[in-house]
Protein backbone atom coordinates (compact mmCIF):
# COMPACT_ATOMS: atom_id res chain seq x y z
CA MET A 1 109.20 93.54 66.96
CA ALA A 2 106.65 92.74 69.67
CA SER A 3 103.28 94.45 69.69
CA GLY A 4 102.60 97.11 72.31
CA LYS A 5 100.09 94.86 74.08
CA ASN A 6 102.56 91.96 74.21
CA VAL A 7 105.26 94.28 75.59
CA VAL A 8 102.90 95.54 78.29
CA THR A 9 101.98 91.97 79.28
CA ARG A 10 105.61 90.92 79.49
CA VAL A 11 106.64 94.04 81.43
CA GLU A 12 103.71 93.59 83.81
CA GLY A 13 104.99 90.09 84.63
CA ILE A 14 108.38 91.58 85.50
CA ALA A 15 107.02 94.63 87.32
CA GLN A 16 104.35 93.07 89.59
CA PRO A 17 106.68 91.14 91.92
CA ILE A 18 109.11 94.07 92.13
CA ALA A 19 106.30 96.45 93.01
CA GLN A 20 104.97 94.03 95.61
CA ASP A 21 108.42 93.71 97.21
CA LEU A 22 108.55 97.51 97.51
CA GLY A 23 105.02 97.76 98.98
CA LEU A 24 103.65 99.23 95.74
CA SER A 25 101.03 98.27 93.20
CA ILE A 26 101.04 98.69 89.43
CA TRP A 27 98.20 100.99 88.35
CA ASP A 28 98.95 100.85 84.63
CA ILE A 29 101.67 100.26 82.05
CA GLU A 30 101.86 101.98 78.67
CA TYR A 31 104.23 101.36 75.78
CA VAL A 32 103.77 104.20 73.32
CA LYS A 33 105.56 106.03 70.56
CA GLU A 34 105.81 109.76 71.14
CA GLY A 35 107.47 111.57 68.27
CA THR A 36 110.42 109.43 67.26
CA SER A 37 110.88 107.89 70.72
CA TRP A 38 109.37 104.81 72.34
CA ILE A 39 108.30 105.29 75.98
CA LEU A 40 107.69 102.54 78.53
CA ARG A 41 105.60 104.28 81.18
CA ILE A 42 104.87 102.45 84.42
CA TYR A 43 102.41 103.99 86.87
CA ILE A 44 102.90 102.86 90.45
CA ASP A 45 100.70 103.46 93.46
CA LYS A 46 100.36 102.81 97.18
CA GLU A 47 97.87 103.69 99.85
CA GLU A 48 99.81 106.67 101.21
CA GLY A 49 100.45 108.09 97.75
CA ILE A 50 103.58 108.05 95.63
CA GLY A 51 106.62 110.29 96.04
CA VAL A 52 109.77 110.82 94.01
CA ASP A 53 111.64 108.36 96.26
CA ASP A 54 109.13 105.61 95.40
CA CYS A 55 109.54 106.27 91.68
CA GLU A 56 113.31 106.26 91.98
CA ALA A 57 113.38 103.05 94.05
CA PHE A 58 111.08 101.24 91.62
CA SER A 59 113.01 102.50 88.60
CA ARG A 60 116.31 101.27 90.05
CA ALA A 61 114.77 97.92 91.06
CA ILE A 62 113.23 97.20 87.64
CA ASP A 63 116.12 98.44 85.50
CA LYS A 64 118.27 95.29 85.68
CA PRO A 65 115.38 92.78 85.32
CA LEU A 66 114.16 94.68 82.23
CA ASP A 67 117.64 94.49 80.74
CA GLU A 68 117.94 90.77 81.54
CA GLU A 69 114.46 89.78 80.28
CA ASP A 70 114.74 92.18 77.31
CA PRO A 71 110.98 92.38 76.49
CA ILE A 72 111.52 95.34 74.15
CA SER A 73 113.63 94.97 71.01
CA GLN A 74 114.13 98.66 70.20
CA GLN A 75 115.56 101.53 72.21
CA TYR A 76 113.10 103.12 74.65
CA PHE A 77 112.87 105.48 77.58
CA LEU A 78 111.60 104.23 80.95
CA GLU A 79 109.31 106.55 82.89
CA VAL A 80 108.02 105.65 86.36
CA SER A 81 105.41 107.88 87.94
CA SER A 82 102.27 108.15 90.02
CA PRO A 83 98.96 107.91 88.16
CA GLY A 84 98.17 111.32 89.68
CA ILE A 85 95.04 112.80 91.15
CA GLU A 86 93.13 112.77 87.85
CA ARG A 87 94.12 109.20 87.08
CA GLU A 88 92.69 107.54 84.04
CA LEU A 89 90.46 104.53 84.63
CA LYS A 90 91.06 101.71 82.15
CA LYS A 91 90.81 98.28 83.76
CA ASP A 92 87.68 96.65 85.16
CA ALA A 93 89.30 96.70 88.61
CA HIS A 94 89.77 100.49 88.34
CA PHE A 95 86.01 100.91 87.82
CA GLN A 96 85.04 98.54 90.61
CA TYR A 97 87.43 100.39 92.91
CA SER A 98 85.90 103.74 91.85
CA LEU A 99 82.24 102.98 92.57
CA GLY A 100 80.68 105.97 94.34
CA LYS A 101 83.38 108.37 93.12
CA MET A 102 83.06 111.40 90.83
CA LEU A 103 84.34 110.89 87.28
CA ARG A 104 84.85 112.99 84.17
CA VAL A 105 84.15 111.20 80.89
CA ARG A 106 85.04 112.41 77.41
CA MET A 107 83.15 110.72 74.60
CA ILE A 108 84.67 109.90 71.22
CA ARG A 109 81.51 111.21 69.54
CA PRO A 110 78.95 113.60 71.05
CA LEU A 111 75.88 112.16 72.73
CA THR A 112 72.49 112.82 71.13
CA ASP A 113 72.19 116.01 73.20
CA GLY A 114 75.55 117.25 71.83
CA ARG A 115 77.60 116.75 75.02
CA ARG A 116 81.07 115.24 74.71
CA GLU A 117 82.10 115.66 78.36
CA ILE A 118 80.06 114.28 81.20
CA GLU A 119 80.63 114.45 84.94
CA GLY A 120 78.93 112.25 87.46
CA LYS A 121 79.17 109.75 90.27
CA LEU A 122 79.90 106.19 89.19
CA THR A 123 76.99 104.12 90.50
CA SER A 124 77.61 100.87 88.64
CA TYR A 125 79.96 99.17 86.21
CA ALA A 126 79.48 95.83 84.47
CA ASP A 127 80.47 94.35 81.11
CA GLY A 128 82.03 97.58 79.88
CA VAL A 129 78.99 99.72 80.70
CA LEU A 130 79.24 102.39 83.36
CA THR A 131 76.32 104.20 84.94
CA LEU A 132 76.86 107.73 86.14
CA GLU A 133 74.51 109.72 88.34
CA THR A 134 74.61 113.14 86.66
CA GLU A 135 72.77 116.36 87.46
CA ASP A 136 70.29 115.31 84.74
CA GLY A 137 69.78 111.84 86.22
CA PRO A 138 71.35 108.44 85.56
CA LEU A 139 73.28 107.94 82.32
CA GLU A 140 74.64 104.67 80.91
CA LEU A 141 77.79 104.87 78.80
CA ASN A 142 79.71 102.18 76.94
CA LYS A 143 83.39 102.34 77.86
CA ASN A 144 84.32 101.54 74.23
CA GLN A 145 82.73 104.81 73.13
CA THR A 146 84.82 106.98 75.44
CA ALA A 147 88.06 108.83 74.72
CA PHE A 148 88.98 108.79 78.41
CA ILE A 149 87.52 108.37 81.87
CA LYS A 150 89.26 110.13 84.74
CA ALA A 151 88.85 110.70 88.44
CA MET A 152 87.81 114.29 89.20
CA ASP A 153 89.37 114.79 92.61
CA ASP A 154 91.77 113.29 95.08
CA MET A 155 89.53 110.29 95.59
CA TRP A 156 92.51 108.09 96.38
CA THR A 157 93.33 109.44 99.84
CA ASP A 158 90.47 107.66 101.58
CA ARG A 159 91.24 104.08 100.65
CA GLY A 160 89.76 101.07 102.22
CA GLY A 161 90.46 97.64 100.91
CA ASP A 162 92.66 96.34 98.17
CA GLU A 163 94.43 98.25 95.44
CA PRO A 164 93.31 97.69 91.87
CA GLU A 165 95.53 95.36 89.87
């Protein structure tokens, strides 16, 4: 059985050209076990936002190539959706794209002041370290010490430039 990371890499290779043909981008791909079921979750995006028709079109377009390439040895469920308004930031490109935007960060362990959740504007990101401008001033956080990092508002409606990959 292939590892989750290997599955994601293989599926990404299949999904990218299909998304591009449909005028979409791939925000993220997850291959996770939930209960007794395996889920292949593909988050798609585009400048105008994603609707049910986009999800359906992408799902139909990728179904046959996934069956033909067969990157997953066990039974799984395919879910295609938008990353949503409070999308999770994971890749370096997501952080670069989000500079100047408001984020909500949940830490794995509390900071020295006891806080586990921090909100602030992303002012810089490099080498896995993000700097947030918070109400208490600038704060540097290591991405590896976070449980999640999410957008706080509909920051994706005013897009200029390229989509994250």
